[in-house]
Amino acid sequence: MAYALDKAATVLCLHGGQAQAATVSTRVKVGGQYVCLQSTQHTISGCPFMTGSNPMPCVTAQWTSSATRVKAEQQAVLFTDSQAVCTPNGTGVNIVVSQLRVKVR
């Protein structure tokens, strides 16, 4: 089971940086928070990632997978099983906390 991802969800890059939704649906809410869509970009702050002596922190996360049958504003909705890729280093994200009211099987 996967739960819908909303603006208040806790999303972290794989290095522990905090990801915040930059844009969300402006019409559909889940538990009082707007839902995230596949086009939602997350801005990441506090990523400590280093390659050798060169800093290469995650800056943004773009979603590569989303719901296939659930849409809001004609765009696919993100769920806790959705995947994202961080730039510039290509790592993923962890969805730590999400709402628990809307789910798909």
N, C-alpha and C. Protein backbone atom coordinates (compact mmCIF):
# COMPACT_ATOMS: atom_id res chain seq x y z
N MET A 1 0.83 -1.18 0.00
CA MET A 1 0.00 0.00 0.00
C MET A 1 0.88 1.25 0.00
N ALA A 2 0.43 2.25 -0.70
CA ALA A 2 1.16 3.51 -0.75
C ALA A 2 0.19 4.64 -0.41
N TYR A 3 0.72 5.66 0.24
CA TYR A 3 -0.09 6.81 0.64
C TYR A 3 0.25 8.01 -0.22
N ALA A 4 -0.73 8.88 -0.46
CA ALA A 4 -0.51 10.09 -1.25
C ALA A 4 0.48 11.00 -0.55
N LEU A 5 1.33 11.63 -1.33
CA LEU A 5 2.34 12.54 -0.80
C LEU A 5 1.77 13.96 -0.81
N ASP A 6 1.86 14.65 0.32
CA ASP A 6 1.37 16.02 0.38
C ASP A 6 2.51 16.98 0.72
N LYS A 7 2.21 18.25 0.72
CA LYS A 7 3.22 19.28 0.94
C LYS A 7 3.91 19.15 2.30
N ALA A 8 3.23 18.60 3.28
CA ALA A 8 3.79 18.48 4.63
C ALA A 8 4.63 17.22 4.83
N ALA A 9 4.72 16.37 3.82
CA ALA A 9 5.48 15.13 3.95
C ALA A 9 6.96 15.42 4.24
N THR A 10 7.59 14.54 5.00
CA THR A 10 9.02 14.66 5.26
C THR A 10 9.76 13.83 4.23
N VAL A 11 10.51 14.51 3.37
CA VAL A 11 11.28 13.86 2.32
C VAL A 11 12.73 14.26 2.50
N LEU A 12 13.63 13.27 2.48
CA LEU A 12 15.05 13.51 2.66
C LEU A 12 15.82 12.94 1.48
N CYS A 13 16.90 13.61 1.08
CA CYS A 13 17.80 13.00 0.10
C CYS A 13 18.49 11.85 0.82
N LEU A 14 19.15 10.97 0.10
CA LEU A 14 19.78 9.80 0.72
C LEU A 14 20.91 10.15 1.66
N HIS A 15 21.35 11.41 1.63
CA HIS A 15 22.42 11.86 2.52
C HIS A 15 21.87 12.58 3.76
N GLY A 16 20.56 12.76 3.83
CA GLY A 16 19.94 13.38 4.99
C GLY A 16 19.52 14.82 4.82
N GLY A 17 19.69 15.40 3.62
CA GLY A 17 19.24 16.77 3.37
C GLY A 17 17.73 16.85 3.30
N GLN A 18 17.14 17.93 3.79
CA GLN A 18 15.69 18.11 3.83
C GLN A 18 15.18 18.61 2.49
N ALA A 19 14.19 17.91 1.93
CA ALA A 19 13.58 18.29 0.66
C ALA A 19 12.22 18.93 0.91
N GLN A 20 12.00 20.10 0.33
CA GLN A 20 10.72 20.80 0.46
C GLN A 20 10.08 20.95 -0.91
N ALA A 21 8.78 20.69 -0.99
CA ALA A 21 8.06 20.84 -2.25
C ALA A 21 8.03 22.30 -2.67
N ALA A 22 8.53 22.57 -3.88
CA ALA A 22 8.54 23.94 -4.39
C ALA A 22 7.18 24.32 -4.96
N THR A 23 6.52 23.38 -5.61
CA THR A 23 5.18 23.61 -6.16
C THR A 23 4.32 22.40 -5.87
N VAL A 24 3.05 22.61 -5.70
CA VAL A 24 2.10 21.52 -5.44
C VAL A 24 0.80 21.84 -6.15
N SER A 25 -0.15 20.92 -6.09
CA SER A 25 -1.48 21.19 -6.61
C SER A 25 -2.06 22.39 -5.87
N THR A 26 -2.77 23.21 -6.57
CA THR A 26 -3.41 24.35 -5.91
C THR A 26 -4.91 24.13 -5.73
N ARG A 27 -5.38 22.92 -6.08
CA ARG A 27 -6.80 22.66 -6.00
C ARG A 27 -7.17 21.44 -5.16
N VAL A 28 -6.25 20.48 -5.00
CA VAL A 28 -6.58 19.23 -4.33
C VAL A 28 -5.80 19.11 -3.03
N LYS A 29 -6.56 18.88 -1.93
CA LYS A 29 -5.94 18.72 -0.62
C LYS A 29 -6.20 17.33 -0.07
N VAL A 30 -5.27 16.87 0.77
CA VAL A 30 -5.40 15.62 1.50
C VAL A 30 -5.11 15.94 2.95
N GLY A 31 -6.08 15.76 3.82
CA GLY A 31 -5.87 16.06 5.23
C GLY A 31 -5.48 17.51 5.47
N GLY A 32 -5.98 18.42 4.65
CA GLY A 32 -5.70 19.84 4.82
C GLY A 32 -4.44 20.34 4.15
N GLN A 33 -3.69 19.46 3.49
CA GLN A 33 -2.46 19.86 2.79
C GLN A 33 -2.61 19.57 1.30
N TYR A 34 -2.02 20.42 0.47
CA TYR A 34 -2.07 20.20 -0.97
C TYR A 34 -1.24 18.99 -1.37
N VAL A 35 -1.72 18.22 -2.36
CA VAL A 35 -0.99 17.03 -2.82
C VAL A 35 0.14 17.42 -3.76
N CYS A 36 1.14 16.56 -3.80
CA CYS A 36 2.27 16.75 -4.71
C CYS A 36 2.00 16.00 -6.01
N LEU A 37 2.40 16.61 -7.11
CA LEU A 37 2.21 16.04 -8.43
C LEU A 37 3.56 15.62 -9.00
N GLN A 38 3.55 14.80 -10.07
CA GLN A 38 4.82 14.35 -10.63
C GLN A 38 5.67 15.53 -11.09
N SER A 39 5.06 16.62 -11.48
CA SER A 39 5.82 17.81 -11.91
C SER A 39 6.40 18.59 -10.73
N THR A 40 6.01 18.23 -9.50
CA THR A 40 6.50 18.92 -8.31
C THR A 40 8.00 18.73 -8.18
N GLN A 41 8.72 19.83 -8.08
CA GLN A 41 10.15 19.76 -7.83
C GLN A 41 10.39 20.04 -6.36
N HIS A 42 11.28 19.28 -5.76
CA HIS A 42 11.63 19.49 -4.36
C HIS A 42 13.00 20.17 -4.29
N THR A 43 13.09 21.20 -3.47
CA THR A 43 14.35 21.90 -3.23
C THR A 43 14.99 21.30 -1.98
N ILE A 44 16.27 20.96 -2.07
CA ILE A 44 16.95 20.27 -0.97
C ILE A 44 17.93 21.22 -0.29
N SER A 45 17.88 21.22 1.04
CA SER A 45 18.83 22.02 1.82
C SER A 45 19.48 21.14 2.87
N GLY A 46 20.72 21.46 3.19
CA GLY A 46 21.43 20.75 4.25
C GLY A 46 22.02 19.41 3.86
N CYS A 47 22.21 19.16 2.57
CA CYS A 47 22.82 17.90 2.14
C CYS A 47 24.34 17.98 2.34
N PRO A 48 24.91 17.02 3.08
CA PRO A 48 26.34 17.07 3.39
C PRO A 48 27.22 16.28 2.42
N PHE A 49 26.69 15.82 1.29
CA PHE A 49 27.42 14.90 0.41
C PHE A 49 28.72 15.50 -0.13
N MET A 50 29.80 14.72 -0.06
CA MET A 50 31.12 15.11 -0.58
C MET A 50 31.64 13.98 -1.45
N THR A 51 32.34 14.30 -2.52
CA THR A 51 33.06 13.31 -3.30
C THR A 51 34.54 13.63 -3.15
N GLY A 52 35.20 12.87 -2.32
CA GLY A 52 36.60 13.20 -2.00
C GLY A 52 36.62 14.48 -1.20
N SER A 53 37.34 15.48 -1.70
CA SER A 53 37.38 16.78 -1.03
C SER A 53 36.46 17.80 -1.70
N ASN A 54 35.68 17.35 -2.70
CA ASN A 54 34.79 18.26 -3.42
C ASN A 54 33.35 18.13 -2.93
N PRO A 55 32.75 19.24 -2.52
CA PRO A 55 31.33 19.17 -2.13
C PRO A 55 30.46 18.96 -3.37
N MET A 56 29.48 18.07 -3.26
CA MET A 56 28.53 17.82 -4.33
C MET A 56 27.16 17.55 -3.74
N PRO A 57 26.63 18.52 -2.99
CA PRO A 57 25.36 18.29 -2.29
C PRO A 57 24.18 18.21 -3.25
N CYS A 58 23.16 17.48 -2.82
CA CYS A 58 21.91 17.43 -3.57
C CYS A 58 21.28 18.82 -3.50
N VAL A 59 20.75 19.29 -4.63
CA VAL A 59 20.15 20.63 -4.70
C VAL A 59 18.65 20.54 -4.96
N THR A 60 18.26 19.69 -5.89
CA THR A 60 16.84 19.50 -6.20
C THR A 60 16.56 18.01 -6.41
N ALA A 61 15.30 17.65 -6.31
CA ALA A 61 14.85 16.29 -6.62
C ALA A 61 13.70 16.39 -7.61
N GLN A 62 13.81 15.63 -8.70
CA GLN A 62 12.75 15.57 -9.71
C GLN A 62 12.19 14.16 -9.72
N TRP A 63 10.88 14.04 -9.71
CA TRP A 63 10.21 12.74 -9.61
C TRP A 63 10.19 12.03 -10.95
N THR A 64 10.54 10.75 -10.93
CA THR A 64 10.60 9.95 -12.16
C THR A 64 9.47 8.94 -12.26
N SER A 65 8.80 8.67 -11.14
CA SER A 65 7.64 7.77 -11.18
C SER A 65 6.56 8.32 -10.26
N SER A 66 5.33 7.99 -10.60
CA SER A 66 4.18 8.48 -9.84
C SER A 66 3.02 7.51 -10.04
N ALA A 67 1.87 7.88 -9.55
CA ALA A 67 0.68 7.05 -9.72
C ALA A 67 0.36 6.92 -11.21
N THR A 68 -0.18 5.79 -11.59
CA THR A 68 -0.55 5.61 -12.99
C THR A 68 -2.03 5.88 -13.23
N ARG A 69 -2.85 5.79 -12.18
CA ARG A 69 -4.29 5.98 -12.36
C ARG A 69 -4.89 7.10 -11.53
N VAL A 70 -4.10 7.73 -10.66
CA VAL A 70 -4.64 8.78 -9.79
C VAL A 70 -4.07 10.12 -10.26
N LYS A 71 -4.98 11.04 -10.61
CA LYS A 71 -4.55 12.33 -11.11
C LYS A 71 -5.25 13.48 -10.40
N ALA A 72 -4.58 14.62 -10.39
CA ALA A 72 -5.15 15.86 -9.89
C ALA A 72 -4.70 16.94 -10.86
N GLU A 73 -5.61 17.76 -11.28
CA GLU A 73 -5.29 18.81 -12.26
C GLU A 73 -4.63 18.23 -13.50
N GLN A 74 -5.10 17.05 -13.93
CA GLN A 74 -4.62 16.34 -15.12
C GLN A 74 -3.15 15.93 -15.03
N GLN A 75 -2.62 15.80 -13.82
CA GLN A 75 -1.25 15.34 -13.62
C GLN A 75 -1.26 14.19 -12.61
N ALA A 76 -0.30 13.29 -12.76
CA ALA A 76 -0.19 12.15 -11.86
C ALA A 76 0.18 12.61 -10.45
N VAL A 77 -0.45 11.99 -9.45
CA VAL A 77 -0.20 12.30 -8.04
C VAL A 77 0.97 11.46 -7.55
N LEU A 78 1.78 12.02 -6.65
CA LEU A 78 2.89 11.27 -6.04
C LEU A 78 2.39 10.47 -4.86
N PHE A 79 2.95 9.28 -4.70
CA PHE A 79 2.64 8.42 -3.57
C PHE A 79 3.95 8.02 -2.89
N THR A 80 3.86 7.39 -1.73
CA THR A 80 5.06 7.04 -0.98
C THR A 80 5.94 6.02 -1.69
N ASP A 81 5.46 5.38 -2.73
CA ASP A 81 6.30 4.47 -3.50
C ASP A 81 6.86 5.12 -4.77
N SER A 82 6.64 6.42 -4.94
CA SER A 82 7.19 7.16 -6.09
C SER A 82 8.70 7.30 -5.94
N GLN A 83 9.38 7.44 -7.05
CA GLN A 83 10.85 7.55 -7.06
C GLN A 83 11.26 8.91 -7.59
N ALA A 84 12.40 9.41 -7.10
CA ALA A 84 12.94 10.69 -7.54
C ALA A 84 14.45 10.59 -7.71
N VAL A 85 15.00 11.50 -8.52
CA VAL A 85 16.43 11.58 -8.73
C VAL A 85 16.89 12.97 -8.32
N CYS A 86 17.94 13.02 -7.50
CA CYS A 86 18.50 14.29 -7.05
C CYS A 86 19.55 14.80 -8.04
N THR A 87 19.59 16.11 -8.22
CA THR A 87 20.66 16.70 -9.02
C THR A 87 21.56 17.47 -8.09
N PRO A 88 22.84 17.50 -8.32
CA PRO A 88 23.54 17.07 -9.52
C PRO A 88 24.11 15.67 -9.45
N ASN A 89 23.92 14.92 -8.37
CA ASN A 89 24.65 13.67 -8.20
C ASN A 89 23.87 12.39 -8.53
N GLY A 90 22.59 12.47 -8.83
CA GLY A 90 21.82 11.31 -9.29
C GLY A 90 21.36 10.32 -8.24
N THR A 91 21.43 10.68 -6.97
CA THR A 91 20.95 9.78 -5.93
C THR A 91 19.44 9.92 -5.77
N GLY A 92 18.85 9.13 -4.90
CA GLY A 92 17.40 9.14 -4.70
C GLY A 92 16.98 9.87 -3.44
N VAL A 93 15.73 9.64 -3.04
CA VAL A 93 15.18 10.26 -1.84
C VAL A 93 14.53 9.19 -0.96
N ASN A 94 14.35 9.51 0.30
CA ASN A 94 13.58 8.71 1.24
C ASN A 94 12.37 9.51 1.67
N ILE A 95 11.20 8.90 1.60
CA ILE A 95 9.99 9.54 2.12
C ILE A 95 9.81 8.98 3.53
N VAL A 96 10.01 9.84 4.52
CA VAL A 96 10.04 9.41 5.91
C VAL A 96 8.66 9.47 6.55
N VAL A 97 7.94 10.55 6.33
CA VAL A 97 6.62 10.75 6.93
C VAL A 97 5.68 11.28 5.86
N SER A 98 4.47 10.71 5.81
CA SER A 98 3.44 11.23 4.91
C SER A 98 2.10 11.15 5.61
N GLN A 99 1.09 11.67 4.96
CA GLN A 99 -0.26 11.57 5.52
C GLN A 99 -0.71 10.12 5.45
N LEU A 100 -1.68 9.74 6.26
CA LEU A 100 -2.13 8.34 6.33
C LEU A 100 -3.62 8.16 6.05
N ARG A 101 -4.20 9.07 5.29
CA ARG A 101 -5.63 8.98 5.01
C ARG A 101 -5.95 8.48 3.61
N VAL A 102 -5.17 8.88 2.62
CA VAL A 102 -5.44 8.50 1.24
C VAL A 102 -4.39 7.48 0.80
N LYS A 103 -4.85 6.29 0.42
CA LYS A 103 -3.91 5.25 0.01
C LYS A 103 -4.42 4.51 -1.23
N VAL A 104 -3.47 3.87 -1.90
CA VAL A 104 -3.80 3.01 -3.05
C VAL A 104 -3.21 1.64 -2.78
N ARG A 105 -3.78 0.67 -3.42
CA ARG A 105 -3.26 -0.70 -3.27
C ARG A 105 -2.50 -1.10 -4.48
